[in-house]
């Protein structure tokens, strides 16, 4: 890519239009050649990007990167000032995790347009107050708080909470911001879900897995746990656990190996020693993995068995 087109694409998330490539000096034949050779790829009609090797990148991260390209391509095809990135697309730009979202569909909000889906873009119609619009990656987008309530109004409870937990960890977002938006959206069809998700959200859930585990516990009728509790013994600090049920002497961890950066031998040893020290305090320890979350009843049974053991120990 020549320097001029590289500069243009750099401000557009790596995306450029056919017209921009032409203005940068590429002929139609040169464009076709680069596409045929796999040097460029078509993101949507008339919008392209240099092909990038994503080998070794986790599939979920690849889907997020692909969605960012789709967002920039959709916005690059719009008249400037006619649309704002919104809903789950805005959350992706803000770096907020999304769950069960259709990442092949870009979400935009426009003032003067009919709502509906066209060419992989879902258009929403709304007048956005200035305080609910910001700029992310050189694009106008709804604020992180506004994007959350937009998603929560149409998402499942789990999807809304997973994003809400992450939004609450953002320093620029206050509870007042979220409840202002909850009041603003009081008459939206999805208003009850917004309020339910905000009431349950907890900034101490530090990952998608922890959020899903907490939702599972709620759905399965388990008591509310304490989050991010620290433990120490005679040797010093042991660590911070994801979930603690003090009345049952039970700790629940979601994929604790991630605390140590992967599944290396050293990480396994550190995690085993950490778990041994927790058990030496008389605690039951239950470990939950991604695969476990697909069987909520089994997970709940594991935790309840730990409760029973913890009670006997304390007795």
C-alpha atoms as a PDB file:
ATOM      1  CA  UNK A   1       0.000   0.000   0.000  1.00  0.00           C
ATOM      2  CA  UNK A   2       1.440   3.362  -0.936  1.00  0.00           C
ATOM      3  CA  UNK A   3       2.036   5.955   1.816  1.00  0.00           C
ATOM      4  CA  UNK A   4      -0.977   8.099   0.920  1.00  0.00           C
ATOM      5  CA  UNK A   5      -3.475   5.240   1.047  1.00  0.00           C
ATOM      6  CA  UNK A   6      -1.765   3.843   4.153  1.00  0.00           C
ATOM      7  CA  UNK A   7      -2.292   7.171   5.907  1.00  0.00           C
ATOM      8  CA  UNK A   8      -5.959   7.258   4.908  1.00  0.00           C
ATOM      9  CA  UNK A   9      -6.579   3.668   6.008  1.00  0.00           C
ATOM     10  CA  UNK A  10      -4.763   4.293   9.284  1.00  0.00           C
ATOM     11  CA  UNK A  11      -7.441   6.794  10.306  1.00  0.00           C
ATOM     12  CA  UNK A  12     -10.229   4.452   9.257  1.00  0.00           C
ATOM     13  CA  UNK A  13      -9.418   1.300  11.182  1.00  0.00           C
ATOM     14  CA  UNK A  14      -7.448  -0.081   8.233  1.00  0.00           C
ATOM     15  CA  UNK A  15     -10.346   0.316   5.785  1.00  0.00           C
ATOM     16  CA  UNK A  16     -10.386   2.348   2.563  1.00  0.00           C
ATOM     17  CA  UNK A  17     -12.872   2.812  -0.249  1.00  0.00           C
ATOM     18  CA  UNK A  18     -12.436   2.160  -3.929  1.00  0.00           C
ATOM     19  CA  UNK A  19     -12.599   5.891  -4.564  1.00  0.00           C
ATOM     20  CA  UNK A  20      -9.926   6.584  -1.939  1.00  0.00           C
ATOM     21  CA  UNK A  21      -7.655   3.980  -3.532  1.00  0.00           C
ATOM     22  CA  UNK A  22      -8.224   5.595  -6.910  1.00  0.00           C
ATOM     23  CA  UNK A  23      -7.489   9.070  -5.534  1.00  0.00           C
ATOM     24  CA  UNK A  24      -4.278   7.645  -4.018  1.00  0.00           C
ATOM     25  CA  UNK A  25      -3.117   6.588  -7.481  1.00  0.00           C
ATOM     26  CA  UNK A  26      -4.317   2.984  -7.946  1.00  0.00           C
ATOM     27  CA  UNK A  27      -5.843   2.036 -11.277  1.00  0.00           C
ATOM     28  CA  UNK A  28      -8.854  -0.328 -11.520  1.00  0.00           C
ATOM     29  CA  UNK A  29      -6.525  -3.008 -12.908  1.00  0.00           C
ATOM     30  CA  UNK A  30      -4.108  -2.630  -9.988  1.00  0.00           C
ATOM     31  CA  UNK A  31      -6.967  -2.913  -7.505  1.00  0.00           C
ATOM     32  CA  UNK A  32      -8.262  -6.080  -9.149  1.00  0.00           C
ATOM     33  CA  UNK A  33      -4.752  -7.527  -9.156  1.00  0.00           C
ATOM     34  CA  UNK A  34      -4.252  -6.896  -5.437  1.00  0.00           C
ATOM     35  CA  UNK A  35      -7.608  -8.453  -4.636  1.00  0.00           C
ATOM     36  CA  UNK A  36      -6.873 -11.479  -6.812  1.00  0.00           C
ATOM     37  CA  UNK A  37      -3.446 -11.949  -5.210  1.00  0.00           C
ATOM     38  CA  UNK A  38      -4.947 -11.755  -1.716  1.00  0.00           C
ATOM     39  CA  UNK A  39      -3.006  -8.617  -0.802  1.00  0.00           C
ATOM     40  CA  UNK A  40      -6.282  -6.762  -0.270  1.00  0.00           C
ATOM     41  CA  UNK A  41      -9.634  -8.125   0.874  1.00  0.00           C
ATOM     42  CA  UNK A  42     -13.161  -6.867   0.312  1.00  0.00           C
ATOM     43  CA  UNK A  43     -14.848  -5.928   3.590  1.00  0.00           C
ATOM     44  CA  UNK A  44     -18.135  -4.834   2.009  1.00  0.00           C
ATOM     45  CA  UNK A  45     -19.164  -3.424  -1.364  1.00  0.00           C
ATOM     46  CA  UNK A  46     -16.645  -0.766  -2.370  1.00  0.00           C
ATOM     47  CA  UNK A  47     -14.679  -1.018   0.908  1.00  0.00           C
ATOM     48  CA  UNK A  48     -11.363  -2.839   1.280  1.00  0.00           C
ATOM     49  CA  UNK A  49      -8.464  -3.482   3.648  1.00  0.00           C
ATOM     50  CA  UNK A  50      -5.008  -4.994   3.468  1.00  0.00           C
ATOM     51  CA  UNK A  51      -5.210  -8.698   4.252  1.00  0.00           C
ATOM     52  CA  UNK A  52      -3.797  -9.466   7.690  1.00  0.00           C
ATOM     53  CA  UNK A  53      -2.538 -12.794   8.949  1.00  0.00           C
ATOM     54  CA  UNK A  54      -4.466 -13.582  12.132  1.00  0.00           C
ATOM     55  CA  UNK A  55      -2.907 -17.010  12.629  1.00  0.00           C
ATOM     56  CA  UNK A  56      -2.442 -17.689  16.319  1.00  0.00           C
ATOM     57  CA  UNK A  57      -5.082 -15.176  17.387  1.00  0.00           C
ATOM     58  CA  UNK A  58      -7.966 -16.607  19.395  1.00  0.00           C
ATOM     59  CA  UNK A  59     -11.168 -17.109  17.345  1.00  0.00           C
ATOM     60  CA  UNK A  60     -13.186 -14.730  19.516  1.00  0.00           C
ATOM     61  CA  UNK A  61     -10.540 -12.017  19.046  1.00  0.00           C
ATOM     62  CA  UNK A  62     -10.601 -12.599  15.290  1.00  0.00           C
ATOM     63  CA  UNK A  63     -14.379 -12.061  15.292  1.00  0.00           C
ATOM     64  CA  UNK A  64     -13.973  -8.788  17.191  1.00  0.00           C
ATOM     65  CA  UNK A  65     -11.290  -7.563  14.784  1.00  0.00           C
ATOM     66  CA  UNK A  66     -13.476  -8.508  11.851  1.00  0.00           C
ATOM     67  CA  UNK A  67     -16.380  -6.581  13.379  1.00  0.00           C
ATOM     68  CA  UNK A  68     -14.219  -3.492  13.770  1.00  0.00           C
ATOM     69  CA  UNK A  69     -13.387  -3.667  10.064  1.00  0.00           C
ATOM     70  CA  UNK A  70     -17.081  -4.004   9.249  1.00  0.00           C
ATOM     71  CA  UNK A  71     -17.873  -0.963  11.405  1.00  0.00           C
ATOM     72  CA  UNK A  72     -15.267   1.203   9.704  1.00  0.00           C
ATOM     73  CA  UNK A  73     -16.327  -0.023   6.279  1.00  0.00           C
ATOM     74  CA  UNK A  74     -19.986   0.762   6.969  1.00  0.00           C
ATOM     75  CA  UNK A  75     -19.184   4.223   8.310  1.00  0.00           C
ATOM     76  CA  UNK A  76     -16.789   4.943   5.444  1.00  0.00           C
ATOM     77  CA  UNK A  77     -19.652   4.252   3.056  1.00  0.00           C
ATOM     78  CA  UNK A  78     -21.938   6.765   4.835  1.00  0.00           C
ATOM     79  CA  UNK A  79     -22.108  10.511   4.375  1.00  0.00           C
ATOM     80  CA  UNK A  80     -20.097  12.186   7.106  1.00  0.00           C
ATOM     81  CA  UNK A  81     -22.266  13.152  10.063  1.00  0.00           C
ATOM     82  CA  UNK A  82     -25.208  11.004   9.004  1.00  0.00           C
ATOM     83  CA  UNK A  83     -24.706   8.101  11.421  1.00  0.00           C
ATOM     84  CA  UNK A  84     -23.348   7.195  14.836  1.00  0.00           C
ATOM     85  CA  UNK A  85     -21.996   3.760  15.769  1.00  0.00           C
ATOM     86  CA  UNK A  86     -24.276   2.345  18.462  1.00  0.00           C
ATOM     87  CA  UNK A  87     -25.481  -0.726  20.373  1.00  0.00           C
ATOM     88  CA  UNK A  88     -23.099  -3.715  20.390  1.00  0.00           C
ATOM     89  CA  UNK A  89     -20.918  -2.141  17.680  1.00  0.00           C
ATOM     90  CA  UNK A  90     -20.239   0.817  19.977  1.00  0.00           C
ATOM     91  CA  UNK A  91     -19.441  -1.538  22.867  1.00  0.00           C
ATOM     92  CA  UNK A  92     -16.914  -3.339  20.662  1.00  0.00           C
ATOM     93  CA  UNK A  93     -15.233  -0.029  19.779  1.00  0.00           C
ATOM     94  CA  UNK A  94     -15.125   0.859  23.483  1.00  0.00           C
ATOM     95  CA  UNK A  95     -13.452  -2.475  24.252  1.00  0.00           C
ATOM     96  CA  UNK A  96     -16.403  -3.815  26.258  1.00  0.00           C
ATOM     97  CA  UNK A  97     -17.068  -7.571  25.977  1.00  0.00           C
ATOM     98  CA  UNK A  98     -20.269  -8.548  24.220  1.00  0.00           C
ATOM     99  CA  UNK A  99     -22.069 -11.864  24.491  1.00  0.00           C
ATOM    100  CA  UNK A 100     -24.414 -13.551  21.999  1.00  0.00           C
ATOM    101  CA  UNK A 101     -24.130 -10.559  19.658  1.00  0.00           C
ATOM    102  CA  UNK A 102     -24.323 -10.951  15.881  1.00  0.00           C
ATOM    103  CA  UNK A 103     -20.884  -9.651  14.962  1.00  0.00           C
ATOM    104  CA  UNK A 104     -21.638  -9.944  11.261  1.00  0.00           C
ATOM    105  CA  UNK A 105     -24.170  -7.128  11.689  1.00  0.00           C
ATOM    106  CA  UNK A 106     -23.075  -3.529  12.266  1.00  0.00           C
ATOM    107  CA  UNK A 107     -25.334  -1.331  14.405  1.00  0.00           C
ATOM    108  CA  UNK A 108     -25.728   2.360  13.562  1.00  0.00           C
ATOM    109  CA  UNK A 109     -28.080   5.080  14.806  1.00  0.00           C
ATOM    110  CA  UNK A 110     -29.322   7.789  12.455  1.00  0.00           C
ATOM    111  CA  UNK A 111     -31.658  10.745  12.869  1.00  0.00           C
ATOM    112  CA  UNK A 112     -33.169  10.884   9.399  1.00  0.00           C
ATOM    113  CA  UNK A 113     -33.431   7.321   8.222  1.00  0.00           C
ATOM    114  CA  UNK A 114     -35.856   4.454   8.264  1.00  0.00           C
ATOM    115  CA  UNK A 115     -35.030   1.785  10.818  1.00  0.00           C
ATOM    116  CA  UNK A 116     -34.187  -1.631   9.437  1.00  0.00           C
ATOM    117  CA  UNK A 117     -31.429  -3.861   8.083  1.00  0.00           C
ATOM    118  CA  UNK A 118     -29.627  -3.183   4.829  1.00  0.00           C
ATOM    119  CA  UNK A 119     -26.429  -4.798   3.496  1.00  0.00           C
ATOM    120  CA  UNK A 120     -25.354  -6.133   6.879  1.00  0.00           C
ATOM    121  CA  UNK A 121     -26.089  -2.907   8.745  1.00  0.00           C
ATOM    122  CA  UNK A 122     -28.944  -2.468  11.202  1.00  0.00           C
ATOM    123  CA  UNK A 123     -30.092   1.153  11.197  1.00  0.00           C
ATOM    124  CA  UNK A 124     -31.774   2.571  14.302  1.00  0.00           C
ATOM    125  CA  UNK A 125     -33.594   5.897  14.354  1.00  0.00           C
ATOM    126  CA  UNK A 126     -33.082   8.203  17.324  1.00  0.00           C
ATOM    127  CA  UNK A 127     -32.075  11.706  18.338  1.00  0.00           C
ATOM    128  CA  UNK A 128     -29.032  11.415  20.543  1.00  0.00           C
ATOM    129  CA  UNK A 129     -28.256  14.119  23.134  1.00  0.00           C
ATOM    130  CA  UNK A 130     -24.665  15.432  22.961  1.00  0.00           C
ATOM    131  CA  UNK A 131     -23.725  13.828  26.297  1.00  0.00           C
ATOM    132  CA  UNK A 132     -24.497  10.393  24.848  1.00  0.00           C
ATOM    133  CA  UNK A 133     -22.148  10.708  21.856  1.00  0.00           C
ATOM    134  CA  UNK A 134     -18.369  10.491  21.852  1.00  0.00           C
ATOM    135  CA  UNK A 135     -15.546   9.686  19.424  1.00  0.00           C
ATOM    136  CA  UNK A 136     -13.828   6.289  19.308  1.00  0.00           C
ATOM    137  CA  UNK A 137     -11.256   5.286  16.679  1.00  0.00           C
ATOM    138  CA  UNK A 138     -12.039   8.543  14.844  1.00  0.00           C
ATOM    139  CA  UNK A 139     -15.720   7.541  14.601  1.00  0.00           C
ATOM    140  CA  UNK A 140     -18.773   9.110  16.267  1.00  0.00           C
ATOM    141  CA  UNK A 141     -20.212   6.522  18.647  1.00  0.00           C
ATOM    142  CA  UNK A 142     -22.636   6.374  21.497  1.00  0.00           C
ATOM    143  CA  UNK A 143     -20.976   6.653  24.900  1.00  0.00           C
ATOM    144  CA  UNK A 144     -20.106   3.438  26.680  1.00  0.00           C
ATOM    145  CA  UNK A 145     -23.016   3.935  29.112  1.00  0.00           C
ATOM    146  CA  UNK A 146     -25.510   4.697  26.324  1.00  0.00           C
ATOM    147  CA  UNK A 147     -24.309   1.727  24.279  1.00  0.00           C
ATOM    148  CA  UNK A 148     -24.845  -0.526  27.281  1.00  0.00           C
ATOM    149  CA  UNK A 149     -28.499   0.432  27.761  1.00  0.00           C
ATOM    150  CA  UNK A 150     -29.056   0.153  23.999  1.00  0.00           C
ATOM    151  CA  UNK A 151     -27.799  -3.433  24.111  1.00  0.00           C
ATOM    152  CA  UNK A 152     -29.519  -4.300  27.380  1.00  0.00           C
ATOM    153  CA  UNK A 153     -32.887  -3.239  25.980  1.00  0.00           C
ATOM    154  CA  UNK A 154     -32.835  -6.046  23.410  1.00  0.00           C
ATOM    155  CA  UNK A 155     -30.349  -8.604  24.787  1.00  0.00           C
ATOM    156  CA  UNK A 156     -30.758 -11.569  27.102  1.00  0.00           C
ATOM    157  CA  UNK A 157     -30.178 -11.052  30.809  1.00  0.00           C
ATOM    158  CA  UNK A 158     -26.816 -12.837  30.583  1.00  0.00           C
ATOM    159  CA  UNK A 159     -25.610 -10.726  27.658  1.00  0.00           C
ATOM    160  CA  UNK A 160     -26.711  -7.508  29.353  1.00  0.00           C
ATOM    161  CA  UNK A 161     -25.010  -8.370  32.657  1.00  0.00           C
ATOM    162  CA  UNK A 162     -21.751  -9.479  31.026  1.00  0.00           C
ATOM    163  CA  UNK A 163     -21.413  -6.102  29.314  1.00  0.00           C
ATOM    164  CA  UNK A 164     -22.716  -4.187  32.348  1.00  0.00           C
ATOM    165  CA  UNK A 165     -20.114  -5.741  34.680  1.00  0.00           C
ATOM    166  CA  UNK A 166     -17.365  -4.527  32.345  1.00  0.00           C
ATOM    167  CA  UNK A 167     -18.905  -1.070  31.891  1.00  0.00           C
ATOM    168  CA  UNK A 168     -19.010  -0.574  35.672  1.00  0.00           C
ATOM    169  CA  UNK A 169     -15.242  -1.115  35.767  1.00  0.00           C
ATOM    170  CA  UNK A 170     -14.688   1.852  33.470  1.00  0.00           C
ATOM    171  CA  UNK A 171     -13.548   4.883  35.500  1.00  0.00           C
ATOM    172  CA  UNK A 172     -15.456   7.343  33.310  1.00  0.00           C
ATOM    173  CA  UNK A 173     -18.786   5.652  34.016  1.00  0.00           C
ATOM    174  CA  UNK A 174     -20.650   6.390  37.238  1.00  0.00           C
ATOM    175  CA  UNK A 175     -23.791   4.725  38.608  1.00  0.00           C
ATOM    176  CA  UNK A 176     -25.492   8.092  38.147  1.00  0.00           C
ATOM    177  CA  UNK A 177     -24.740   7.968  34.405  1.00  0.00           C
ATOM    178  CA  UNK A 178     -26.347   4.549  34.097  1.00  0.00           C
ATOM    179  CA  UNK A 179     -29.423   5.345  36.151  1.00  0.00           C
ATOM    180  CA  UNK A 180     -29.928   8.607  34.216  1.00  0.00           C
ATOM    181  CA  UNK A 181     -30.025   6.540  31.051  1.00  0.00           C
ATOM    182  CA  UNK A 182     -32.294   3.984  32.697  1.00  0.00           C
ATOM    183  CA  UNK A 183     -34.752   6.793  33.421  1.00  0.00           C
ATOM    184  CA  UNK A 184     -34.357   8.190  29.908  1.00  0.00           C
ATOM    185  CA  UNK A 185     -35.218   4.792  28.446  1.00  0.00           C
ATOM    186  CA  UNK A 186     -38.069   4.125  30.893  1.00  0.00           C
ATOM    187  CA  UNK A 187     -40.614   3.856  28.094  1.00  0.00           C
ATOM    188  CA  UNK A 188     -38.488   1.703  25.795  1.00  0.00           C
ATOM    189  CA  UNK A 189     -39.871  -1.810  25.249  1.00  0.00           C
ATOM    190  CA  UNK A 190     -36.738  -3.255  26.866  1.00  0.00           C
ATOM    191  CA  UNK A 191     -36.703  -0.964  29.903  1.00  0.00           C
ATOM    192  CA  UNK A 192     -37.379  -3.751  32.464  1.00  0.00           C
ATOM    193  CA  UNK A 193     -34.344  -5.697  31.222  1.00  0.00           C
ATOM    194  CA  UNK A 194     -32.138  -2.606  31.478  1.00  0.00           C
ATOM    195  CA  UNK A 195     -33.103  -2.149  35.122  1.00  0.00           C
ATOM    196  CA  UNK A 196     -32.721  -5.841  35.975  1.00  0.00           C
ATOM    197  CA  UNK A 197     -29.246  -5.974  34.439  1.00  0.00           C
ATOM    198  CA  UNK A 198     -28.077  -2.779  36.133  1.00  0.00           C
ATOM    199  CA  UNK A 199     -29.392  -3.953  39.500  1.00  0.00           C
ATOM    200  CA  UNK A 200     -27.481  -7.240  39.226  1.00  0.00           C
ATOM    201  CA  UNK A 201     -24.289  -5.908  37.617  1.00  0.00           C
ATOM    202  CA  UNK A 202     -21.134  -5.902  39.727  1.00  0.00           C
ATOM    203  CA  UNK A 203     -17.825  -4.279  38.821  1.00  0.00           C
ATOM    204  CA  UNK A 204     -16.002  -6.966  40.837  1.00  0.00           C
ATOM    205  CA  UNK A 205     -16.775  -9.560  38.158  1.00  0.00           C
ATOM    206  CA  UNK A 206     -13.512  -9.191  36.277  1.00  0.00           C
ATOM    207  CA  UNK A 207     -14.090 -11.340  33.199  1.00  0.00           C
ATOM    208  CA  UNK A 208     -16.783 -12.778  30.980  1.00  0.00           C
ATOM    209  CA  UNK A 209     -16.265 -16.153  32.633  1.00  0.00           C
ATOM    210  CA  UNK A 210     -16.721 -14.718  36.125  1.00  0.00           C
ATOM    211  CA  UNK A 211     -19.872 -12.878  35.027  1.00  0.00           C
ATOM    212  CA  UNK A 212     -21.322 -16.035  33.489  1.00  0.00           C
ATOM    213  CA  UNK A 213     -20.480 -18.030  36.618  1.00  0.00           C
ATOM    214  CA  UNK A 214     -22.229 -15.470  38.825  1.00  0.00           C
ATOM    215  CA  UNK A 215     -25.312 -15.542  36.579  1.00  0.00           C
ATOM    216  CA  UNK A 216     -25.293 -19.342  36.709  1.00  0.00           C
ATOM    217  CA  UNK A 217     -25.219 -19.252  40.507  1.00  0.00           C
ATOM    218  CA  UNK A 218     -28.209 -16.917  40.531  1.00  0.00           C
ATOM    219  CA  UNK A 219     -30.174 -18.964  38.015  1.00  0.00           C
ATOM    220  CA  UNK A 220     -29.511 -22.178  39.945  1.00  0.00           C
ATOM    221  CA  UNK A 221     -30.725 -20.707  43.219  1.00  0.00           C
ATOM    222  CA  UNK A 222     -27.363 -20.527  44.975  1.00  0.00           C
ATOM    223  CA  UNK A 223     -26.821 -17.820  47.600  1.00  0.00           C
ATOM    224  CA  UNK A 224     -25.010 -14.633  46.522  1.00  0.00           C
ATOM    225  CA  UNK A 225     -21.243 -15.022  46.989  1.00  0.00           C
ATOM    226  CA  UNK A 226     -18.698 -12.453  48.091  1.00  0.00           C
ATOM    227  CA  UNK A 227     -16.434 -11.409  45.207  1.00  0.00           C
ATOM    228  CA  UNK A 228     -12.648 -10.915  45.046  1.00  0.00           C
ATOM    229  CA  UNK A 229     -11.944 -11.872  48.661  1.00  0.00           C
ATOM    230  CA  UNK A 230      -8.293 -11.988  49.743  1.00  0.00           C
ATOM    231  CA  UNK A 231      -6.799 -14.792  51.843  1.00  0.00           C
ATOM    232  CA  UNK A 232      -3.538 -15.132  53.752  1.00  0.00           C
ATOM    233  CA  UNK A 233      -1.898 -17.718  55.999  1.00  0.00           C
ATOM    234  CA  UNK A 234       1.163 -17.867  58.229  1.00  0.00           C
ATOM    235  CA  UNK A 235       3.386 -17.667  55.138  1.00  0.00           C
ATOM    236  CA  UNK A 236       1.693 -14.480  53.910  1.00  0.00           C
ATOM    237  CA  UNK A 237      -0.672 -13.523  51.106  1.00  0.00           C
ATOM    238  CA  UNK A 238      -2.231 -16.478  49.280  1.00  0.00           C
ATOM    239  CA  UNK A 239      -4.317 -14.694  46.700  1.00  0.00           C
ATOM    240  CA  UNK A 240      -7.658 -13.231  45.792  1.00  0.00           C
ATOM    241  CA  UNK A 241     -10.475 -15.634  44.960  1.00  0.00           C
ATOM    242  CA  UNK A 242     -13.307 -15.058  42.506  1.00  0.00           C
ATOM    243  CA  UNK A 243     -16.171 -16.175  44.760  1.00  0.00           C
ATOM    244  CA  UNK A 244     -16.392 -16.915  48.464  1.00  0.00           C
ATOM    245  CA  UNK A 245     -19.307 -18.345  50.460  1.00  0.00           C
ATOM    246  CA  UNK A 246     -18.240 -17.694  54.077  1.00  0.00           C
ATOM    247  CA  UNK A 247     -21.192 -19.507  55.646  1.00  0.00           C
ATOM    248  CA  UNK A 248     -20.183 -22.672  53.791  1.00  0.00           C
ATOM    249  CA  UNK A 249     -16.392 -22.276  53.913  1.00  0.00           C
ATOM    250  CA  UNK A 250     -16.314 -22.617  50.127  1.00  0.00           C
ATOM    251  CA  UNK A 251     -14.283 -20.865  47.440  1.00  0.00           C
ATOM    252  CA  UNK A 252     -15.283 -21.010  43.760  1.00  0.00           C
ATOM    253  CA  UNK A 253     -12.771 -20.090  41.079  1.00  0.00           C
ATOM    254  CA  UNK A 254     -13.405 -19.603  37.386  1.00  0.00           C
ATOM    255  CA  UNK A 255     -10.518 -20.959  35.285  1.00  0.00           C
ATOM    256  CA  UNK A 256      -7.966 -19.888  37.876  1.00  0.00           C
ATOM    257  CA  UNK A 257      -5.005 -20.741  35.627  1.00  0.00           C
ATOM    258  CA  UNK A 258      -5.665 -17.500  33.767  1.00  0.00           C
ATOM    259  CA  UNK A 259      -4.525 -15.670  36.896  1.00  0.00           C
ATOM    260  CA  UNK A 260      -1.033 -16.892  36.066  1.00  0.00           C
ATOM    261  CA  UNK A 261      -1.016 -16.332  32.341  1.00  0.00           C
ATOM    262  CA  UNK A 262      -1.839 -19.670  30.781  1.00  0.00           C
ATOM    263  CA  UNK A 263      -1.399 -23.404  31.111  1.00  0.00           C
ATOM    264  CA  UNK A 264       2.387 -23.565  31.453  1.00  0.00           C
ATOM    265  CA  UNK A 265       3.963 -26.039  33.865  1.00  0.00           C
ATOM    266  CA  UNK A 266       4.943 -23.182  36.187  1.00  0.00           C
ATOM    267  CA  UNK A 267       1.379 -21.858  36.175  1.00  0.00           C
ATOM    268  CA  UNK A 268       0.013 -25.296  37.027  1.00  0.00           C
ATOM    269  CA  UNK A 269       2.431 -25.661  39.926  1.00  0.00           C
ATOM    270  CA  UNK A 270       1.644 -22.189  41.293  1.00  0.00           C
ATOM    271  CA  UNK A 271      -2.063 -22.821  41.060  1.00  0.00           C
ATOM    272  CA  UNK A 272      -1.752 -26.192  42.795  1.00  0.00           C
ATOM    273  CA  UNK A 273       0.245 -24.654  45.659  1.00  0.00           C
ATOM    274  CA  UNK A 274      -2.235 -21.793  45.945  1.00  0.00           C
ATOM    275  CA  UNK A 275      -5.150 -24.224  46.096  1.00  0.00           C
ATOM    276  CA  UNK A 276      -3.372 -26.386  48.702  1.00  0.00           C
ATOM    277  CA  UNK A 277      -2.852 -23.358  50.929  1.00  0.00           C
ATOM    278  CA  UNK A 278      -6.540 -22.425  50.664  1.00  0.00           C
ATOM    279  CA  UNK A 279      -7.566 -25.968  51.585  1.00  0.00           C
ATOM    280  CA  UNK A 280      -5.136 -25.896  54.512  1.00  0.00           C
ATOM    281  CA  UNK A 281      -7.246 -23.037  55.890  1.00  0.00           C
ATOM    282  CA  UNK A 282     -10.177 -25.455  55.971  1.00  0.00           C
ATOM    283  CA  UNK A 283     -11.780 -24.161  52.784  1.00  0.00           C
ATOM    284  CA  UNK A 284     -13.474 -26.172  50.067  1.00  0.00           C
ATOM    285  CA  UNK A 285     -12.289 -25.141  46.587  1.00  0.00           C
ATOM    286  CA  UNK A 286     -14.384 -25.641  43.442  1.00  0.00           C
ATOM    287  CA  UNK A 287     -12.894 -24.864  40.039  1.00  0.00           C
ATOM    288  CA  UNK A 288     -15.149 -23.940  37.101  1.00  0.00           C
ATOM    289  CA  UNK A 289     -14.061 -24.023  33.435  1.00  0.00           C
ATOM    290  CA  UNK A 290     -15.648 -22.755  30.231  1.00  0.00           C
ATOM    291  CA  UNK A 291     -16.837 -26.267  29.446  1.00  0.00           C
ATOM    292  CA  UNK A 292     -18.502 -26.566  32.850  1.00  0.00           C
ATOM    293  CA  UNK A 293     -20.643 -23.507  32.154  1.00  0.00           C
ATOM    294  CA  UNK A 294     -22.496 -25.473  29.465  1.00  0.00           C
ATOM    295  CA  UNK A 295     -23.974 -27.704  32.211  1.00  0.00           C
ATOM    296  CA  UNK A 296     -25.352 -25.353  34.902  1.00  0.00           C
ATOM    297  CA  UNK A 297     -27.088 -28.087  36.894  1.00  0.00           C
ATOM    298  CA  UNK A 298     -23.835 -30.034  37.186  1.00  0.00           C
ATOM    299  CA  UNK A 299     -21.946 -26.928  38.318  1.00  0.00           C
ATOM    300  CA  UNK A 300     -24.598 -26.142  40.922  1.00  0.00           C
ATOM    301  CA  UNK A 301     -24.420 -29.720  42.200  1.00  0.00           C
ATOM    302  CA  UNK A 302     -20.613 -29.471  42.511  1.00  0.00           C
ATOM    303  CA  UNK A 303     -20.930 -26.291  44.556  1.00  0.00           C
ATOM    304  CA  UNK A 304     -23.684 -27.702  46.777  1.00  0.00           C
ATOM    305  CA  UNK A 305     -21.571 -30.790  47.512  1.00  0.00           C
ATOM    306  CA  UNK A 306     -18.747 -28.447  48.530  1.00  0.00           C
ATOM    307  CA  UNK A 307     -21.221 -26.586  50.772  1.00  0.00           C
ATOM    308  CA  UNK A 308     -22.110 -29.860  52.488  1.00  0.00           C
ATOM    309  CA  UNK A 309     -18.441 -30.736  53.059  1.00  0.00           C
ATOM    310  CA  UNK A 310     -17.716 -27.225  54.284  1.00  0.00           C
ATOM    311  CA  UNK A 311     -20.530 -27.394  56.797  1.00  0.00           C
ATOM    312  CA  UNK A 312     -19.310 -30.729  58.183  1.00  0.00           C
ATOM    313  CA  UNK A 313     -15.783 -29.339  58.514  1.00  0.00           C
ATOM    314  CA  UNK A 314     -16.956 -26.240  60.387  1.00  0.00           C
ATOM    315  CA  UNK A 315     -19.126 -28.381  62.659  1.00  0.00           C
END
